[in-house]
């Protein structure tokens, strides 16, 4: 049993958004994690009553604004130029995670990639076999 289950709290992607904040701030050492943990602790202890009446939409927008810098558009564009099937797998995972959930989106992308690989293997083996 986890500690969060004992105090009836909901686990969320807080570490991911903190990593995004560290990345956007240009942090490069482990000391930044200690400073970030201290800032989160102070915020939770002393500033939490101020956030009580803040709507969840505003808090979600803050997290999305922090995480948006982690999306690498140039890599997706390069993937489109190099291999269209891998780009489609990338888009399957992106939109699956965005609109459904993380495990479902990754499962969709993995099953798509495996089916493409299997299909290409069967087609290429069939072409090789008929040539002999």
Foldseek 3Di string as FASTA:
>chain_A
DDPCVVVVHDDDPPVLLLVLQCVVVPPDDCVSVVVSVVVVVCCVPPVVVVCPPPDPVVVVVVSCVSNVVVDDPVVLVVCVVPPVQVSVLVVQLVVCCVPPNNVRSNVRSVVSVVVVVVVVVVVVVVVVVVVD
